[in-house]
C-alpha atoms as a PDB file:
ATOM      1  CA  MET A   1       0.000   0.000   0.000  1.00  0.00           C
ATOM      2  CA  GLN A   2       1.500   3.297  -1.139  1.00  0.00           C
ATOM      3  CA  PHE A   3       0.399   6.875  -0.582  1.00  0.00           C
ATOM      4  CA  ASP A   4       0.885   9.938  -2.753  1.00  0.00           C
ATOM      5  CA  ASP A   5       4.010  11.562  -1.310  1.00  0.00           C
ATOM      6  CA  ASP A   6       2.739  15.064  -2.071  1.00  0.00           C
ATOM      7  CA  ALA A   7      -0.725  14.728  -0.532  1.00  0.00           C
ATOM      8  CA  ASN A   8      -1.554  16.829   2.511  1.00  0.00           C
ATOM      9  CA  LEU A   9      -2.769  14.761   5.455  1.00  0.00           C
ATOM     10  CA  ASP A  10      -5.781  16.061   7.376  1.00  0.00           C
ATOM     11  CA  THR A  11      -4.747  15.718  11.011  1.00  0.00           C
ATOM     12  CA  SER A  12      -8.103  17.067  12.221  1.00  0.00           C
ATOM     13  CA  GLU A  13      -9.592  13.630  11.556  1.00  0.00           C
ATOM     14  CA  VAL A  14      -7.434  12.024  14.257  1.00  0.00           C
ATOM     15  CA  GLN A  15      -7.160  13.022  17.902  1.00  0.00           C
ATOM     16  CA  ASP A  16      -3.964  11.782  19.495  1.00  0.00           C
ATOM     17  CA  VAL A  17      -4.327  11.328  23.258  1.00  0.00           C
ATOM     18  CA  ARG A  18      -1.551   8.795  23.732  1.00  0.00           C
ATOM     19  CA  GLY A  19       0.158   9.541  26.991  1.00  0.00           C
ATOM     20  CA  SER A  20      -2.960  11.040  28.571  1.00  0.00           C
ATOM     21  CA  ARG A  21      -3.925   9.773  31.991  1.00  0.00           C
ATOM     22  CA  VAL A  22      -7.409   8.889  33.220  1.00  0.00           C
ATOM     23  CA  PRO A  23      -7.358   9.960  36.898  1.00  0.00           C
ATOM     24  CA  GLY A  24      -8.483   7.448  39.482  1.00  0.00           C
ATOM     25  CA  GLY A  25      -7.841   4.437  37.315  1.00  0.00           C
ATOM     26  CA  ARG A  26     -11.468   4.268  36.265  1.00  0.00           C
ATOM     27  CA  ALA A  27     -10.883   1.857  33.434  1.00  0.00           C
ATOM     28  CA  THR A  28     -12.763  -1.306  34.194  1.00  0.00           C
ATOM     29  CA  ILE A  29     -10.451  -4.082  33.113  1.00  0.00           C
ATOM     30  CA  GLY A  30      -6.773  -4.771  33.447  1.00  0.00           C
ATOM     31  CA  GLY A  31      -4.245  -7.196  32.133  1.00  0.00           C
ATOM     32  CA  GLY A  32      -3.959 -10.901  32.654  1.00  0.00           C
ATOM     33  CA  ILE A  33      -6.770 -13.319  31.907  1.00  0.00           C
ATOM     34  CA  VAL A  34      -9.500 -10.743  32.521  1.00  0.00           C
ATOM     35  CA  GLY A  35      -8.021  -8.457  29.909  1.00  0.00           C
ATOM     36  CA  LEU A  36      -7.561 -11.356  27.518  1.00  0.00           C
ATOM     37  CA  VAL A  37     -11.176 -12.480  27.856  1.00  0.00           C
ATOM     38  CA  ALA A  38     -12.321  -8.915  27.312  1.00  0.00           C
ATOM     39  CA  LEU A  39     -10.154  -8.683  24.220  1.00  0.00           C
ATOM     40  CA  VAL A  40     -11.638 -11.879  22.820  1.00  0.00           C
ATOM     41  CA  LEU A  41     -15.150 -10.600  23.469  1.00  0.00           C
ATOM     42  CA  GLY A  42     -14.575  -7.066  22.348  1.00  0.00           C
ATOM     43  CA  VAL A  43     -12.212  -7.213  19.389  1.00  0.00           C
ATOM     44  CA  LEU A  44     -13.689  -5.299  16.464  1.00  0.00           C
ATOM     45  CA  PHE A  45     -17.057  -5.432  18.200  1.00  0.00           C
ATOM     46  CA  GLY A  46     -17.945  -2.112  16.715  1.00  0.00           C
ATOM     47  CA  VAL A  47     -19.718  -0.637  19.732  1.00  0.00           C
ATOM     48  CA  GLY A  48     -18.473   1.028  22.868  1.00  0.00           C
ATOM     49  CA  PRO A  49     -17.468  -0.716  26.088  1.00  0.00           C
ATOM     50  CA  GLU A  50     -20.732   0.208  27.802  1.00  0.00           C
ATOM     51  CA  GLN A  51     -22.610  -2.073  25.409  1.00  0.00           C
ATOM     52  CA  LEU A  52     -20.056  -4.790  26.152  1.00  0.00           C
ATOM     53  CA  GLY A  53     -20.628  -4.424  29.892  1.00  0.00           C
ATOM     54  CA  LEU A  54     -17.025  -3.325  30.394  1.00  0.00           C
ATOM     55  CA  SER A  55     -17.615   0.269  31.425  1.00  0.00           C
ATOM     56  CA  SER A  56     -17.676   1.902  34.822  1.00  0.00           C
ATOM     57  CA  GLY A  57     -18.332   5.581  34.780  1.00  0.00           C
ATOM     58  CA  ASP A  58     -18.727   8.531  32.508  1.00  0.00           C
ATOM     59  CA  PRO A  59     -16.171   9.704  29.968  1.00  0.00           C
ATOM     60  CA  ASP A  60     -13.312  11.537  31.600  1.00  0.00           C
ATOM     61  CA  PRO A  61     -12.504  14.949  30.099  1.00  0.00           C
ATOM     62  CA  ALA A  62      -8.886  14.575  31.211  1.00  0.00           C
ATOM     63  CA  ALA A  63      -8.495  11.836  28.631  1.00  0.00           C
ATOM     64  CA  THR A  64      -9.454  14.084  25.732  1.00  0.00           C
ATOM     65  CA  SER A  65      -6.243  16.057  25.447  1.00  0.00           C
ATOM     66  CA  SER A  66      -2.561  15.255  25.291  1.00  0.00           C
ATOM     67  CA  SER A  67       0.592  17.299  25.541  1.00  0.00           C
ATOM     68  CA  GLN A  68       2.205  14.960  23.023  1.00  0.00           C
ATOM     69  CA  ALA A  69      -0.227  15.197  20.096  1.00  0.00           C
ATOM     70  CA  GLN A  70       2.285  13.206  18.085  1.00  0.00           C
ATOM     71  CA  VAL A  71       0.232  12.870  14.928  1.00  0.00           C
ATOM     72  CA  GLN A  72      -0.435  16.590  14.618  1.00  0.00           C
ATOM     73  CA  GLN A  73       3.268  17.319  14.935  1.00  0.00           C
ATOM     74  CA  THR A  74       4.777  14.673  12.676  1.00  0.00           C
ATOM     75  CA  CYS A  75       2.187  13.661  10.060  1.00  0.00           C
ATOM     76  CA  LYS A  76       1.990  16.287   7.352  1.00  0.00           C
ATOM     77  CA  LYS A  77       2.382  14.601   3.969  1.00  0.00           C
ATOM     78  CA  GLY A  78       1.690  11.329   2.225  1.00  0.00           C
ATOM     79  CA  SER A  79       5.429  10.731   2.372  1.00  0.00           C
ATOM     80  CA  ASP A  80       5.083  10.564   6.179  1.00  0.00           C
ATOM     81  CA  ALA A  81       2.385   7.907   5.768  1.00  0.00           C
ATOM     82  CA  ASN A  82       4.813   5.852   3.716  1.00  0.00           C
ATOM     83  CA  THR A  83       7.347   5.799   6.540  1.00  0.00           C
ATOM     84  CA  LYS A  84       5.511   6.068   9.900  1.00  0.00           C
ATOM     85  CA  GLU A  85       2.820   3.745  11.263  1.00  0.00           C
ATOM     86  CA  ASP A  86       0.669   6.352  13.005  1.00  0.00           C
ATOM     87  CA  CYS A  87       0.808   8.597   9.937  1.00  0.00           C
ATOM     88  CA  ARG A  88      -0.226   5.631   7.811  1.00  0.00           C
ATOM     89  CA  ILE A  89      -3.289   5.025   9.975  1.00  0.00           C
ATOM     90  CA  LEU A  90      -4.131   8.727   9.749  1.00  0.00           C
ATOM     91  CA  ALA A  91      -3.844   8.546   5.956  1.00  0.00           C
ATOM     92  CA  VAL A  92      -6.152   5.512   5.885  1.00  0.00           C
ATOM     93  CA  VAL A  93      -8.695   7.447   7.968  1.00  0.00           C
ATOM     94  CA  ASN A  94      -8.446  10.306   5.457  1.00  0.00           C
ATOM     95  CA  SER A  95      -8.906   7.955   2.510  1.00  0.00           C
ATOM     96  CA  VAL A  96     -11.842   6.081   4.053  1.00  0.00           C
ATOM     97  CA  GLN A  97     -13.655   9.301   4.884  1.00  0.00           C
ATOM     98  CA  ASP A  98     -12.916  10.831   1.495  1.00  0.00           C
ATOM     99  CA  TYR A  99     -14.591   7.821  -0.071  1.00  0.00           C
ATOM    100  CA  TRP A 100     -17.684   7.842   2.141  1.00  0.00           C
ATOM    101  CA  ARG A 101     -18.157  11.610   1.780  1.00  0.00           C
ATOM    102  CA  GLN A 102     -18.141  11.230  -1.984  1.00  0.00           C
ATOM    103  CA  GLU A 103     -20.347   8.140  -1.942  1.00  0.00           C
ATOM    104  CA  PHE A 104     -22.948   9.792   0.286  1.00  0.00           C
ATOM    105  CA  THR A 105     -22.894  12.879  -1.951  1.00  0.00           C
ATOM    106  CA  ARG A 106     -23.441  10.679  -4.980  1.00  0.00           C
ATOM    107  CA  ARG A 107     -26.481   9.259  -3.214  1.00  0.00           C
ATOM    108  CA  GLU A 108     -27.661  12.790  -2.369  1.00  0.00           C
ATOM    109  CA  ALA A 109     -27.077  12.255   1.326  1.00  0.00           C
ATOM    110  CA  ARG A 110     -24.800  13.929   3.843  1.00  0.00           C
ATOM    111  CA  TYR A 111     -21.874  12.111   5.402  1.00  0.00           C
ATOM    112  CA  GLY A 112     -21.071  13.321   8.906  1.00  0.00           C
ATOM    113  CA  GLY A 113     -17.403  12.673   9.576  1.00  0.00           C
ATOM    114  CA  ALA A 114     -15.996  10.784  12.543  1.00  0.00           C
ATOM    115  CA  ARG A 115     -12.644  11.197  14.212  1.00  0.00           C
ATOM    116  CA  THR A 116     -10.352   8.372  15.206  1.00  0.00           C
ATOM    117  CA  VAL A 117      -8.863   8.689  18.693  1.00  0.00           C
ATOM    118  CA  PHE A 118      -5.398   7.225  19.218  1.00  0.00           C
ATOM    119  CA  PHE A 119      -4.984   6.275  22.861  1.00  0.00           C
ATOM    120  CA  SER A 120      -2.745   4.156  25.024  1.00  0.00           C
ATOM    121  CA  ASN A 121      -3.830   1.873  27.852  1.00  0.00           C
ATOM    122  CA  ARG A 122      -7.142   3.510  28.719  1.00  0.00           C
ATOM    123  CA  VAL A 123      -9.570   6.152  27.515  1.00  0.00           C
ATOM    124  CA  GLY A 124     -12.846   7.844  28.421  1.00  0.00           C
ATOM    125  CA  THR A 125     -15.626   7.877  25.819  1.00  0.00           C
ATOM    126  CA  ALA A 126     -19.313   8.716  25.553  1.00  0.00           C
ATOM    127  CA  CYS A 127     -19.850   4.949  25.706  1.00  0.00           C
ATOM    128  CA  GLY A 128     -17.942   4.649  28.986  1.00  0.00           C
ATOM    129  CA  ALA A 129     -14.370   4.166  30.101  1.00  0.00           C
ATOM    130  CA  ALA A 130     -12.319   1.428  28.459  1.00  0.00           C
ATOM    131  CA  THR A 131      -8.854  -0.063  28.378  1.00  0.00           C
ATOM    132  CA  SER A 132      -6.900  -1.263  25.386  1.00  0.00           C
ATOM    133  CA  ALA A 133      -8.104  -4.794  26.131  1.00  0.00           C
ATOM    134  CA  VAL A 134     -11.444  -4.206  24.412  1.00  0.00           C
ATOM    135  CA  GLY A 135      -9.695  -3.793  21.061  1.00  0.00           C
ATOM    136  CA  PRO A 136     -10.649  -1.182  18.445  1.00  0.00           C
ATOM    137  CA  PHE A 137     -14.222   0.024  18.712  1.00  0.00           C
ATOM    138  CA  TYR A 138     -16.670   2.608  17.418  1.00  0.00           C
ATOM    139  CA  CYS A 139     -18.703   4.601  19.932  1.00  0.00           C
ATOM    140  CA  PRO A 140     -22.047   5.726  18.484  1.00  0.00           C
ATOM    141  CA  GLY A 141     -22.512   8.068  21.451  1.00  0.00           C
ATOM    142  CA  ASP A 142     -19.755  10.426  20.315  1.00  0.00           C
ATOM    143  CA  ARG A 143     -19.351   9.096  16.768  1.00  0.00           C
ATOM    144  CA  GLN A 144     -15.661   8.333  17.168  1.00  0.00           C
ATOM    145  CA  VAL A 145     -13.416   5.353  16.493  1.00  0.00           C
ATOM    146  CA  TYR A 146     -11.057   4.400  19.325  1.00  0.00           C
ATOM    147  CA  LEU A 147      -7.776   2.662  18.621  1.00  0.00           C
ATOM    148  CA  ASP A 148      -4.692   1.700  20.608  1.00  0.00           C
ATOM    149  CA  LEU A 149      -2.051   1.107  17.935  1.00  0.00           C
ATOM    150  CA  GLY A 150      -0.602  -1.689  20.076  1.00  0.00           C
ATOM    151  CA  PHE A 151      -3.589  -3.781  18.986  1.00  0.00           C
ATOM    152  CA  PHE A 152      -1.963  -4.368  15.626  1.00  0.00           C
ATOM    153  CA  ASP A 153       0.874  -6.277  17.275  1.00  0.00           C
ATOM    154  CA  GLU A 154      -1.708  -8.407  19.091  1.00  0.00           C
ATOM    155  CA  LEU A 155      -3.558  -9.036  15.844  1.00  0.00           C
ATOM    156  CA  ARG A 156      -0.417 -10.721  14.609  1.00  0.00           C
ATOM    157  CA  THR A 157       0.968 -12.324  17.785  1.00  0.00           C
ATOM    158  CA  LYS A 158      -2.244 -13.380  19.563  1.00  0.00           C
ATOM    159  CA  PHE A 159      -4.648 -13.871  16.691  1.00  0.00           C
ATOM    160  CA  GLY A 160      -2.244 -15.178  14.063  1.00  0.00           C
ATOM    161  CA  SER A 161      -2.816 -12.597  11.349  1.00  0.00           C
ATOM    162  CA  SER A 162      -0.029 -12.205   8.815  1.00  0.00           C
ATOM    163  CA  GLY A 163      -0.035  -8.498   9.640  1.00  0.00           C
ATOM    164  CA  GLY A 164       1.063  -5.861   7.178  1.00  0.00           C
ATOM    165  CA  PRO A 165      -0.105  -2.305   6.519  1.00  0.00           C
ATOM    166  CA  PHE A 166      -3.321  -3.336   4.834  1.00  0.00           C
ATOM    167  CA  ALA A 167      -4.329  -5.585   7.736  1.00  0.00           C
ATOM    168  CA  GLN A 168      -4.294  -2.363   9.752  1.00  0.00           C
ATOM    169  CA  ALA A 169      -6.247  -0.549   7.063  1.00  0.00           C
ATOM    170  CA  TYR A 170      -8.896  -3.289   7.099  1.00  0.00           C
ATOM    171  CA  VAL A 171      -9.439  -2.793  10.841  1.00  0.00           C
ATOM    172  CA  VAL A 172      -9.831   0.970  10.439  1.00  0.00           C
ATOM    173  CA  ALA A 173     -12.157   0.629   7.450  1.00  0.00           C
ATOM    174  CA  HIS A 174     -14.272  -1.930   9.341  1.00  0.00           C
ATOM    175  CA  GLU A 175     -14.805   0.496  12.222  1.00  0.00           C
ATOM    176  CA  TYR A 176     -15.772   3.266   9.809  1.00  0.00           C
ATOM    177  CA  GLY A 177     -18.212   0.785   8.324  1.00  0.00           C
ATOM    178  CA  HIS A 178     -19.966   0.956  11.690  1.00  0.00           C
ATOM    179  CA  HIS A 179     -20.043   4.742  11.458  1.00  0.00           C
ATOM    180  CA  VAL A 180     -21.722   4.435   8.067  1.00  0.00           C
ATOM    181  CA  GLN A 181     -24.228   2.000   9.594  1.00  0.00           C
ATOM    182  CA  ASN A 182     -24.893   4.447  12.414  1.00  0.00           C
ATOM    183  CA  GLN A 183     -25.754   7.177   9.934  1.00  0.00           C
ATOM    184  CA  MET A 184     -27.938   4.835   7.907  1.00  0.00           C
ATOM    185  CA  GLY A 185     -29.818   3.551  10.950  1.00  0.00           C
ATOM    186  CA  THR A 186     -28.670  -0.072  10.730  1.00  0.00           C
ATOM    187  CA  LEU A 187     -26.125  -0.177  13.562  1.00  0.00           C
ATOM    188  CA  GLY A 188     -28.856  -0.366  16.181  1.00  0.00           C
ATOM    189  CA  ARG A 189     -29.993  -3.734  14.869  1.00  0.00           C
ATOM    190  CA  ALA A 190     -27.067  -5.320  16.707  1.00  0.00           C
ATOM    191  CA  GLN A 191     -28.434  -4.155  20.060  1.00  0.00           C
ATOM    192  CA  ASP A 192     -31.328  -6.613  20.314  1.00  0.00           C
ATOM    193  CA  GLY A 193     -29.489  -8.765  22.862  1.00  0.00           C
ATOM    194  CA  ARG A 194     -29.200 -11.796  20.589  1.00  0.00           C
ATOM    195  CA  GLN A 195     -26.082 -13.749  19.715  1.00  0.00           C
ATOM    196  CA  GLY A 196     -25.446 -16.638  17.367  1.00  0.00           C
ATOM    197  CA  ALA A 197     -24.494 -17.315  13.782  1.00  0.00           C
ATOM    198  CA  ASP A 198     -27.773 -15.909  12.425  1.00  0.00           C
ATOM    199  CA  SER A 199     -28.072 -12.955  14.816  1.00  0.00           C
ATOM    200  CA  ASN A 200     -28.294  -9.310  13.849  1.00  0.00           C
ATOM    201  CA  ALA A 201     -25.053  -8.737  15.748  1.00  0.00           C
ATOM    202  CA  VAL A 202     -23.245 -10.982  13.275  1.00  0.00           C
ATOM    203  CA  LYS A 203     -25.004  -9.437  10.290  1.00  0.00           C
ATOM    204  CA  VAL A 204     -23.978  -5.943  11.393  1.00  0.00           C
ATOM    205  CA  GLU A 205     -20.345  -7.027  11.709  1.00  0.00           C
ATOM    206  CA  LEU A 206     -20.332  -8.758   8.336  1.00  0.00           C
ATOM    207  CA  GLN A 207     -21.825  -5.694   6.694  1.00  0.00           C
ATOM    208  CA  ALA A 208     -19.032  -3.571   8.180  1.00  0.00           C
ATOM    209  CA  ASP A 209     -16.549  -6.043   6.668  1.00  0.00           C
ATOM    210  CA  CYS A 210     -18.265  -5.638   3.317  1.00  0.00           C
ATOM    211  CA  TYR A 211     -18.130  -1.848   3.573  1.00  0.00           C
ATOM    212  CA  ALA A 212     -14.398  -2.132   4.294  1.00  0.00           C
ATOM    213  CA  GLY A 213     -14.043  -4.106   1.078  1.00  0.00           C
ATOM    214  CA  VAL A 214     -16.022  -1.522  -0.891  1.00  0.00           C
ATOM    215  CA  TRP A 215     -13.647   1.198   0.273  1.00  0.00           C
ATOM    216  CA  ALA A 216     -10.638  -0.971  -0.611  1.00  0.00           C
ATOM    217  CA  ARG A 217     -11.959  -1.380  -4.154  1.00  0.00           C
ATOM    218  CA  GLN A 218     -12.435   2.348  -4.581  1.00  0.00           C
ATOM    219  CA  ALA A 219      -9.435   3.618  -2.601  1.00  0.00           C
ATOM    220  CA  THR A 220      -7.089   4.067  -5.558  1.00  0.00           C
ATOM    221  CA  ARG A 221      -9.872   5.826  -7.502  1.00  0.00           C
ATOM    222  CA  THR A 222     -11.044   8.271  -4.835  1.00  0.00           C
ATOM    223  CA  PRO A 223      -9.536  11.742  -5.355  1.00  0.00           C
ATOM    224  CA  ASP A 224      -7.985  13.474  -2.381  1.00  0.00           C
ATOM    225  CA  GLU A 225      -9.219  17.021  -1.823  1.00  0.00           C
ATOM    226  CA  SER A 226      -5.709  18.459  -1.470  1.00  0.00           C
ATOM    227  CA  THR A 227      -4.354  17.198  -4.794  1.00  0.00           C
ATOM    228  CA  GLY A 228      -7.284  15.938  -6.844  1.00  0.00           C
ATOM    229  CA  ARG A 229      -5.411  12.638  -7.066  1.00  0.00           C
ATOM    230  CA  PRO A 230      -6.061   9.488  -5.025  1.00  0.00           C
ATOM    231  CA  LEU A 231      -4.313   9.556  -1.648  1.00  0.00           C
ATOM    232  CA  ILE A 232      -3.631   5.824  -1.983  1.00  0.00           C
ATOM    233  CA  THR A 233      -1.750   5.253  -5.206  1.00  0.00           C
ATOM    234  CA  SER A 234      -1.489   1.465  -5.171  1.00  0.00           C
ATOM    235  CA  LEU A 235      -2.902  -1.643  -3.513  1.00  0.00           C
ATOM    236  CA  THR A 236      -1.319  -4.955  -4.424  1.00  0.00           C
ATOM    237  CA  ASP A 237      -2.704  -8.469  -4.394  1.00  0.00           C
ATOM    238  CA  ARG A 238      -0.587  -9.047  -1.303  1.00  0.00           C
ATOM    239  CA  ASP A 239      -2.290  -6.125   0.431  1.00  0.00           C
ATOM    240  CA  ILE A 240      -5.724  -7.599  -0.207  1.00  0.00           C
ATOM    241  CA  LYS A 241      -4.486 -11.008   0.918  1.00  0.00           C
ATOM    242  CA  ASP A 242      -3.326  -9.447   4.198  1.00  0.00           C
ATOM    243  CA  GLY A 243      -6.758  -7.870   4.624  1.00  0.00           C
ATOM    244  CA  LEU A 244      -8.494 -11.192   4.025  1.00  0.00           C
ATOM    245  CA  ASP A 245      -6.120 -12.890   6.436  1.00  0.00           C
ATOM    246  CA  ALA A 246      -6.884 -10.320   9.143  1.00  0.00           C
ATOM    247  CA  ALA A 247     -10.622 -10.795   8.591  1.00  0.00           C
ATOM    248  CA  ALA A 248     -10.228 -14.559   9.043  1.00  0.00           C
ATOM    249  CA  ALA A 249      -8.029 -14.172  12.116  1.00  0.00           C
ATOM    250  CA  VAL A 250     -10.840 -12.428  14.011  1.00  0.00           C
ATOM    251  CA  GLY A 251     -13.577 -14.842  12.952  1.00  0.00           C
ATOM    252  CA  ASP A 252     -15.567 -16.142  15.914  1.00  0.00           C
ATOM    253  CA  ASP A 253     -14.714 -19.764  15.167  1.00  0.00           C
ATOM    254  CA  ARG A 254     -10.972 -19.042  15.002  1.00  0.00           C
ATOM    255  CA  ILE A 255     -11.045 -17.047  18.236  1.00  0.00           C
ATOM    256  CA  GLN A 256     -13.139 -19.614  20.101  1.00  0.00           C
ATOM    257  CA  GLU A 257     -11.006 -22.529  18.961  1.00  0.00           C
ATOM    258  CA  LYS A 258      -7.838 -20.715  19.992  1.00  0.00           C
ATOM    259  CA  PHE A 259      -8.947 -19.389  23.366  1.00  0.00           C
ATOM    260  CA  GLN A 260     -11.559 -21.876  24.588  1.00  0.00           C
ATOM    261  CA  GLY A 261     -10.709 -24.994  22.608  1.00  0.00           C
ATOM    262  CA  ARG A 262     -14.147 -25.443  21.057  1.00  0.00           C
ATOM    263  CA  VAL A 263     -16.454 -23.648  18.627  1.00  0.00           C
ATOM    264  CA  THR A 264     -19.895 -22.567  19.856  1.00  0.00           C
ATOM    265  CA  PRO A 265     -21.828 -20.889  16.996  1.00  0.00           C
ATOM    266  CA  GLU A 266     -24.718 -20.039  19.322  1.00  0.00           C
ATOM    267  CA  SER A 267     -22.507 -17.426  21.011  1.00  0.00           C
ATOM    268  CA  TRP A 268     -21.099 -15.807  17.873  1.00  0.00           C
ATOM    269  CA  THR A 269     -21.148 -12.020  17.598  1.00  0.00           C
ATOM    270  CA  HIS A 270     -19.025 -11.416  14.483  1.00  0.00           C
ATOM    271  CA  GLY A 271     -19.297 -14.387  12.138  1.00  0.00           C
ATOM    272  CA  SER A 272     -16.936 -17.134  11.109  1.00  0.00           C
ATOM    273  CA  ALA A 273     -13.564 -16.647   9.469  1.00  0.00           C
ATOM    274  CA  GLU A 274     -15.050 -17.795   6.170  1.00  0.00           C
ATOM    275  CA  GLN A 275     -17.985 -15.393   6.436  1.00  0.00           C
ATOM    276  CA  ARG A 276     -15.790 -12.439   7.290  1.00  0.00           C
ATOM    277  CA  GLN A 277     -13.522 -13.134   4.354  1.00  0.00           C
ATOM    278  CA  GLN A 278     -16.514 -13.701   2.076  1.00  0.00           C
ATOM    279  CA  TRP A 279     -18.167 -10.388   2.889  1.00  0.00           C
ATOM    280  CA  PHE A 280     -14.952  -8.366   2.757  1.00  0.00           C
ATOM    281  CA  TYR A 281     -14.260  -9.873  -0.654  1.00  0.00           C
ATOM    282  CA  THR A 282     -17.850  -9.241  -1.788  1.00  0.00           C
ATOM    283  CA  GLY A 283     -17.335  -5.568  -1.085  1.00  0.00           C
ATOM    284  CA  PHE A 284     -13.934  -5.557  -2.747  1.00  0.00           C
ATOM    285  CA  ARG A 285     -15.083  -7.483  -5.813  1.00  0.00           C
ATOM    286  CA  THR A 286     -18.135  -5.323  -6.475  1.00  0.00           C
ATOM    287  CA  GLY A 287     -17.118  -1.939  -5.062  1.00  0.00           C
ATOM    288  CA  ASP A 288     -20.833  -1.416  -4.400  1.00  0.00           C
ATOM    289  CA  MET A 289     -22.272  -0.852  -0.935  1.00  0.00           C
ATOM    290  CA  GLY A 290     -25.630  -1.964  -2.313  1.00  0.00           C
ATOM    291  CA  LYS A 291     -24.220  -5.499  -2.453  1.00  0.00           C
ATOM    292  CA  CYS A 292     -23.587  -5.469   1.303  1.00  0.00           C
ATOM    293  CA  ASN A 293     -27.092  -6.375   2.459  1.00  0.00           C
ATOM    294  CA  THR A 294     -26.150  -9.037   4.973  1.00  0.00           C
ATOM    295  CA  PHE A 295     -29.667  -8.859   6.429  1.00  0.00           C
ATOM    296  CA  GLN A 296     -31.244 -10.274   3.294  1.00  0.00           C
ATOM    297  CA  ARG A 297     -31.759 -14.027   3.529  1.00  0.00           C
END
């Protein structure tokens, strides 16, 4: 995955609060087995920790600012995205939102943007306080994506993904798929309290995978506002393979087999490895969000 060296990155779409401290240690879960179980339950869940039952308390305003603000200081151009991980994630956020703004406009609708918050260890959100153990998530309460960049190491070391820059991009695009669902009124279908292979929770997650694939198909064709050229200049077959591999790595069956030694489809919340790959590839193959109706039997 390569970015246009001359493109201007929009740092306003990412808030960097790494290094901030949540006073009082109000995050609800720590390390060890509790954190691991929470990670297994929460990875790419797409909703905030309150919905996962992992929250204790209101968002903490002290966690919304940082003296470091690393991204704002160091990520200026596409060339930075080609050399620095956090700048690369910022550039992916820019590309994903460029695509959805243009797609919503084409459909004569308005896309309301969402920031991604980079945090470390713990963070306060409108969906409650959370630690890194819940994995990346989207909070509909404040319409923001929350991401500890250390998750990408865990995606490879704990979940067995091949890794790579596009595996990271898939995760980001999946979470923005939830933001799209929130604006379209479909995200709430996951909140009916049901689990299982045929539940709405699974269908919502698979649709977000499909939306991630749609963006991937269109990424090298979506003009960046600063240059009029696509921010992402190339995606290779290997990139897409890494994305598919990441989707499979966080399939419910893979996670359950790895962490509990058996597969229980009645408790699924995301879908199987095969389903996640299938829907990501459906989006990528067609480039059409209209083909992402996972709710249709």
